[in-house]
Amino acid sequence: MSGLLIGFVTAQVLVFVMHAIYSNTTSMLTLTFAAACLVYHTANKFVNASGVIALFVLGFITGGERQSLSTEMENFLLTFWSFVGYLVNCTVCVLAGFFTV
């Protein structure tokens, strides 16, 4: 339950700040990355809640706000987070290979 609350509160703050820095791509990128790291570690380390659930709630709520972003900003963030996902998948596959050999 705490993970849901942490994710929800962080998402509301993030959405408010996203509207304030609407057109600054560097700030938006930094903000979304920092919020994802912050909510996960806050839930896991300090509250002993599920960081994955908190991160899911954060992504679900902020993902609903993408219609309010410009097309350029939406494409920029989509490209960045797709690249991050690709890096994580590659890292998992490499580590799985190391540990199975």
N, C-alpha and C. Protein backbone atom coordinates (compact mmCIF):
# COMPACT_ATOMS: atom_id res chain seq x y z
N MET A 1 0.82 -1.20 0.00
CA MET A 1 0.00 0.00 0.00
C MET A 1 0.87 1.27 0.00
N SER A 2 1.99 1.20 0.69
CA SER A 2 2.88 2.37 0.74
C SER A 2 3.48 2.67 -0.62
N GLY A 3 3.78 1.62 -1.40
CA GLY A 3 4.32 1.82 -2.74
C GLY A 3 3.35 2.57 -3.64
N LEU A 4 2.06 2.24 -3.51
CA LEU A 4 1.04 2.97 -4.28
C LEU A 4 1.02 4.44 -3.91
N LEU A 5 1.07 4.71 -2.62
CA LEU A 5 1.01 6.09 -2.14
C LEU A 5 2.24 6.88 -2.57
N ILE A 6 3.41 6.29 -2.43
CA ILE A 6 4.65 6.99 -2.84
C ILE A 6 4.63 7.27 -4.34
N GLY A 7 4.23 6.30 -5.13
CA GLY A 7 4.15 6.49 -6.57
C GLY A 7 3.14 7.56 -6.95
N PHE A 8 1.99 7.56 -6.28
CA PHE A 8 0.94 8.53 -6.60
C PHE A 8 1.37 9.95 -6.24
N VAL A 9 1.90 10.13 -5.05
CA VAL A 9 2.32 11.48 -4.62
C VAL A 9 3.44 12.00 -5.51
N THR A 10 4.42 11.16 -5.80
CA THR A 10 5.52 11.59 -6.67
C THR A 10 5.02 11.91 -8.06
N ALA A 11 4.07 11.13 -8.56
CA ALA A 11 3.52 11.39 -9.90
C ALA A 11 2.79 12.73 -9.95
N GLN A 12 2.05 13.06 -8.90
CA GLN A 12 1.34 14.33 -8.89
C GLN A 12 2.32 15.51 -8.90
N VAL A 13 3.38 15.39 -8.12
CA VAL A 13 4.41 16.44 -8.12
C VAL A 13 5.09 16.51 -9.48
N LEU A 14 5.40 15.35 -10.05
CA LEU A 14 6.07 15.31 -11.35
C LEU A 14 5.21 15.93 -12.44
N VAL A 15 3.93 15.64 -12.45
CA VAL A 15 3.03 16.21 -13.46
C VAL A 15 2.97 17.73 -13.32
N PHE A 16 2.92 18.22 -12.09
CA PHE A 16 2.89 19.66 -11.85
C PHE A 16 4.16 20.32 -12.40
N VAL A 17 5.31 19.72 -12.12
CA VAL A 17 6.58 20.30 -12.59
C VAL A 17 6.71 20.15 -14.10
N MET A 18 6.19 19.05 -14.66
CA MET A 18 6.25 18.86 -16.12
C MET A 18 5.51 19.98 -16.85
N HIS A 19 4.40 20.41 -16.28
CA HIS A 19 3.65 21.51 -16.90
C HIS A 19 4.41 22.83 -16.78
N ALA A 20 5.21 22.96 -15.74
CA ALA A 20 5.97 24.20 -15.55
C ALA A 20 7.16 24.29 -16.51
N ILE A 21 7.77 23.16 -16.86
CA ILE A 21 8.93 23.17 -17.76
C ILE A 21 8.56 22.56 -19.10
N TYR A 22 7.45 22.92 -19.62
CA TYR A 22 6.81 22.33 -20.78
C TYR A 22 7.72 22.16 -21.98
N SER A 23 8.57 23.13 -22.29
CA SER A 23 9.31 23.10 -23.55
C SER A 23 10.81 22.85 -23.41
N ASN A 24 11.30 22.64 -22.22
CA ASN A 24 12.73 22.44 -22.01
C ASN A 24 13.03 20.94 -22.00
N THR A 25 13.59 20.44 -23.10
CA THR A 25 13.79 18.99 -23.24
C THR A 25 14.83 18.45 -22.26
N THR A 26 15.89 19.18 -22.02
CA THR A 26 16.93 18.71 -21.10
C THR A 26 16.39 18.60 -19.68
N SER A 27 15.66 19.60 -19.25
CA SER A 27 15.08 19.56 -17.91
C SER A 27 14.04 18.46 -17.78
N MET A 28 13.26 18.26 -18.83
CA MET A 28 12.24 17.21 -18.79
C MET A 28 12.88 15.83 -18.71
N LEU A 29 13.93 15.63 -19.46
CA LEU A 29 14.65 14.35 -19.43
C LEU A 29 15.24 14.10 -18.05
N THR A 30 15.91 15.10 -17.52
CA THR A 30 16.52 14.98 -16.19
C THR A 30 15.46 14.73 -15.13
N LEU A 31 14.36 15.44 -15.23
CA LEU A 31 13.28 15.31 -14.25
C LEU A 31 12.67 13.92 -14.26
N THR A 32 12.36 13.39 -15.44
CA THR A 32 11.73 12.07 -15.50
C THR A 32 12.69 10.98 -15.03
N PHE A 33 13.96 11.09 -15.39
CA PHE A 33 14.94 10.09 -14.95
C PHE A 33 15.15 10.15 -13.45
N ALA A 34 15.29 11.36 -12.91
CA ALA A 34 15.50 11.52 -11.47
C ALA A 34 14.28 11.05 -10.68
N ALA A 35 13.08 11.34 -11.18
CA ALA A 35 11.87 10.92 -10.48
C ALA A 35 11.77 9.41 -10.44
N ALA A 36 12.11 8.75 -11.53
CA ALA A 36 12.06 7.29 -11.56
C ALA A 36 13.04 6.69 -10.55
N CYS A 37 14.26 7.20 -10.53
CA CYS A 37 15.25 6.70 -9.56
C CYS A 37 14.84 7.01 -8.13
N LEU A 38 14.36 8.22 -7.91
CA LEU A 38 13.98 8.66 -6.57
C LEU A 38 12.83 7.83 -6.01
N VAL A 39 11.80 7.62 -6.81
CA VAL A 39 10.63 6.90 -6.29
C VAL A 39 10.98 5.44 -6.00
N TYR A 40 11.79 4.83 -6.84
CA TYR A 40 12.17 3.43 -6.62
C TYR A 40 12.99 3.27 -5.34
N HIS A 41 14.02 4.09 -5.20
CA HIS A 41 14.90 3.97 -4.04
C HIS A 41 14.22 4.42 -2.75
N THR A 42 13.36 5.42 -2.83
CA THR A 42 12.63 5.85 -1.64
C THR A 42 11.73 4.74 -1.13
N ALA A 43 11.00 4.12 -2.04
CA ALA A 43 10.10 3.04 -1.64
C ALA A 43 10.87 1.84 -1.11
N ASN A 44 11.93 1.45 -1.79
CA ASN A 44 12.69 0.26 -1.40
C ASN A 44 13.50 0.46 -0.13
N LYS A 45 14.28 1.51 -0.07
CA LYS A 45 15.26 1.67 1.01
C LYS A 45 14.70 2.31 2.27
N PHE A 46 13.86 3.33 2.11
CA PHE A 46 13.44 4.10 3.27
C PHE A 46 12.10 3.69 3.85
N VAL A 47 11.21 3.16 3.02
CA VAL A 47 9.86 2.84 3.49
C VAL A 47 9.62 1.34 3.55
N ASN A 48 10.52 0.55 2.98
CA ASN A 48 10.36 -0.90 2.87
C ASN A 48 9.07 -1.28 2.15
N ALA A 49 8.75 -0.52 1.13
CA ALA A 49 7.59 -0.80 0.27
C ALA A 49 8.12 -1.31 -1.06
N SER A 50 7.22 -1.69 -1.93
CA SER A 50 7.62 -2.20 -3.24
C SER A 50 7.99 -1.04 -4.16
N GLY A 51 9.26 -0.99 -4.53
CA GLY A 51 9.72 0.03 -5.46
C GLY A 51 9.16 -0.18 -6.85
N VAL A 52 8.93 -1.43 -7.22
CA VAL A 52 8.38 -1.74 -8.54
C VAL A 52 6.95 -1.21 -8.65
N ILE A 53 6.15 -1.40 -7.61
CA ILE A 53 4.77 -0.90 -7.64
C ILE A 53 4.76 0.63 -7.65
N ALA A 54 5.61 1.24 -6.85
CA ALA A 54 5.70 2.70 -6.84
C ALA A 54 6.10 3.23 -8.20
N LEU A 55 7.04 2.57 -8.84
CA LEU A 55 7.50 2.98 -10.17
C LEU A 55 6.41 2.77 -11.21
N PHE A 56 5.65 1.69 -11.09
CA PHE A 56 4.54 1.44 -12.01
C PHE A 56 3.49 2.54 -11.90
N VAL A 57 3.12 2.90 -10.69
CA VAL A 57 2.11 3.95 -10.49
C VAL A 57 2.62 5.28 -11.05
N LEU A 58 3.88 5.59 -10.80
CA LEU A 58 4.48 6.81 -11.34
C LEU A 58 4.41 6.82 -12.86
N GLY A 59 4.81 5.74 -13.49
CA GLY A 59 4.79 5.66 -14.95
C GLY A 59 3.39 5.69 -15.52
N PHE A 60 2.45 5.04 -14.84
CA PHE A 60 1.07 4.99 -15.32
C PHE A 60 0.44 6.38 -15.31
N ILE A 61 0.63 7.11 -14.23
CA ILE A 61 0.02 8.44 -14.11
C ILE A 61 0.71 9.44 -15.04
N THR A 62 2.03 9.45 -15.05
CA THR A 62 2.72 10.41 -15.92
C THR A 62 2.58 10.04 -17.39
N GLY A 63 2.42 8.77 -17.70
CA GLY A 63 2.17 8.35 -19.08
C GLY A 63 0.86 8.89 -19.61
N GLY A 64 -0.11 9.06 -18.74
CA GLY A 64 -1.38 9.63 -19.14
C GLY A 64 -1.29 11.11 -19.47
N GLU A 65 -0.23 11.74 -19.05
CA GLU A 65 -0.04 13.17 -19.30
C GLU A 65 0.68 13.45 -20.61
N ARG A 66 1.03 12.42 -21.36
CA ARG A 66 1.83 12.67 -22.56
C ARG A 66 1.05 13.40 -23.64
N GLN A 67 -0.28 13.38 -23.61
CA GLN A 67 -1.05 14.15 -24.59
C GLN A 67 -0.89 15.65 -24.37
N SER A 68 -0.53 16.04 -23.16
CA SER A 68 -0.35 17.46 -22.90
C SER A 68 1.03 17.96 -23.32
N LEU A 69 1.92 17.04 -23.71
CA LEU A 69 3.26 17.43 -24.16
C LEU A 69 3.23 17.74 -25.66
N SER A 70 4.20 18.49 -26.10
CA SER A 70 4.32 18.74 -27.53
C SER A 70 4.77 17.44 -28.21
N THR A 71 4.54 17.35 -29.51
CA THR A 71 4.93 16.16 -30.26
C THR A 71 6.44 15.95 -30.20
N GLU A 72 7.19 17.04 -30.29
CA GLU A 72 8.65 16.95 -30.23
C GLU A 72 9.10 16.41 -28.87
N MET A 73 8.50 16.92 -27.80
CA MET A 73 8.87 16.47 -26.46
C MET A 73 8.49 15.01 -26.25
N GLU A 74 7.32 14.63 -26.72
CA GLU A 74 6.87 13.25 -26.59
C GLU A 74 7.81 12.29 -27.32
N ASN A 75 8.19 12.64 -28.54
CA ASN A 75 9.12 11.81 -29.31
C ASN A 75 10.50 11.73 -28.65
N PHE A 76 10.95 12.85 -28.11
CA PHE A 76 12.24 12.89 -27.43
C PHE A 76 12.25 11.96 -26.23
N LEU A 77 11.23 12.05 -25.38
CA LEU A 77 11.16 11.20 -24.20
C LEU A 77 10.96 9.74 -24.56
N LEU A 78 10.16 9.48 -25.58
CA LEU A 78 9.94 8.10 -26.02
C LEU A 78 11.24 7.48 -26.52
N THR A 79 12.01 8.23 -27.28
CA THR A 79 13.30 7.74 -27.77
C THR A 79 14.25 7.46 -26.62
N PHE A 80 14.31 8.37 -25.68
CA PHE A 80 15.21 8.19 -24.53
C PHE A 80 14.83 6.95 -23.72
N TRP A 81 13.56 6.83 -23.35
CA TRP A 81 13.16 5.70 -22.51
C TRP A 81 13.21 4.38 -23.27
N SER A 82 13.04 4.40 -24.58
CA SER A 82 13.23 3.18 -25.37
C SER A 82 14.69 2.75 -25.34
N PHE A 83 15.59 3.71 -25.43
CA PHE A 83 17.01 3.42 -25.35
C PHE A 83 17.40 2.87 -23.98
N VAL A 84 16.85 3.45 -22.93
CA VAL A 84 17.12 2.95 -21.58
C VAL A 84 16.62 1.51 -21.45
N GLY A 85 15.43 1.23 -21.98
CA GLY A 85 14.91 -0.14 -21.96
C GLY A 85 15.80 -1.11 -22.71
N TYR A 86 16.31 -0.67 -23.85
CA TYR A 86 17.23 -1.50 -24.64
C TYR A 86 18.50 -1.80 -23.85
N LEU A 87 19.07 -0.79 -23.20
CA LEU A 87 20.28 -1.00 -22.40
C LEU A 87 20.04 -1.97 -21.25
N VAL A 88 18.90 -1.84 -20.60
CA VAL A 88 18.58 -2.74 -19.49
C VAL A 88 18.43 -4.17 -19.99
N ASN A 89 17.74 -4.35 -21.12
CA ASN A 89 17.60 -5.70 -21.69
C ASN A 89 18.95 -6.30 -22.06
N CYS A 90 19.81 -5.50 -22.66
CA CYS A 90 21.15 -6.00 -23.01
C CYS A 90 21.94 -6.38 -21.77
N THR A 91 21.86 -5.57 -20.74
CA THR A 91 22.58 -5.85 -19.50
C THR A 91 22.09 -7.15 -18.86
N VAL A 92 20.78 -7.34 -18.84
CA VAL A 92 20.22 -8.57 -18.26
C VAL A 92 20.68 -9.79 -19.05
N CYS A 93 20.67 -9.70 -20.36
CA CYS A 93 21.11 -10.83 -21.19
C CYS A 93 22.59 -11.14 -20.99
N VAL A 94 23.42 -10.12 -20.91
CA VAL A 94 24.85 -10.34 -20.69
C VAL A 94 25.09 -10.96 -19.32
N LEU A 95 24.42 -10.44 -18.30
CA LEU A 95 24.58 -11.00 -16.96
C LEU A 95 24.07 -12.43 -16.88
N ALA A 96 22.97 -12.72 -17.55
CA ALA A 96 22.44 -14.09 -17.58
C ALA A 96 23.44 -15.02 -18.25
N GLY A 97 24.09 -14.55 -19.29
CA GLY A 97 25.12 -15.35 -19.95
C GLY A 97 26.31 -15.61 -19.05
N PHE A 98 26.74 -14.59 -18.31
CA PHE A 98 27.87 -14.77 -17.40
C PHE A 98 27.56 -15.76 -16.29
N PHE A 99 26.36 -15.69 -15.75
CA PHE A 99 26.03 -16.54 -14.61
C PHE A 99 25.66 -17.97 -15.00
N THR A 100 25.32 -18.19 -16.26
CA THR A 100 24.99 -19.56 -16.67
C THR A 100 26.20 -20.33 -17.17
N VAL A 101 27.28 -19.63 -17.44
CA VAL A 101 28.48 -20.31 -17.95
C VAL A 101 29.39 -20.68 -16.81
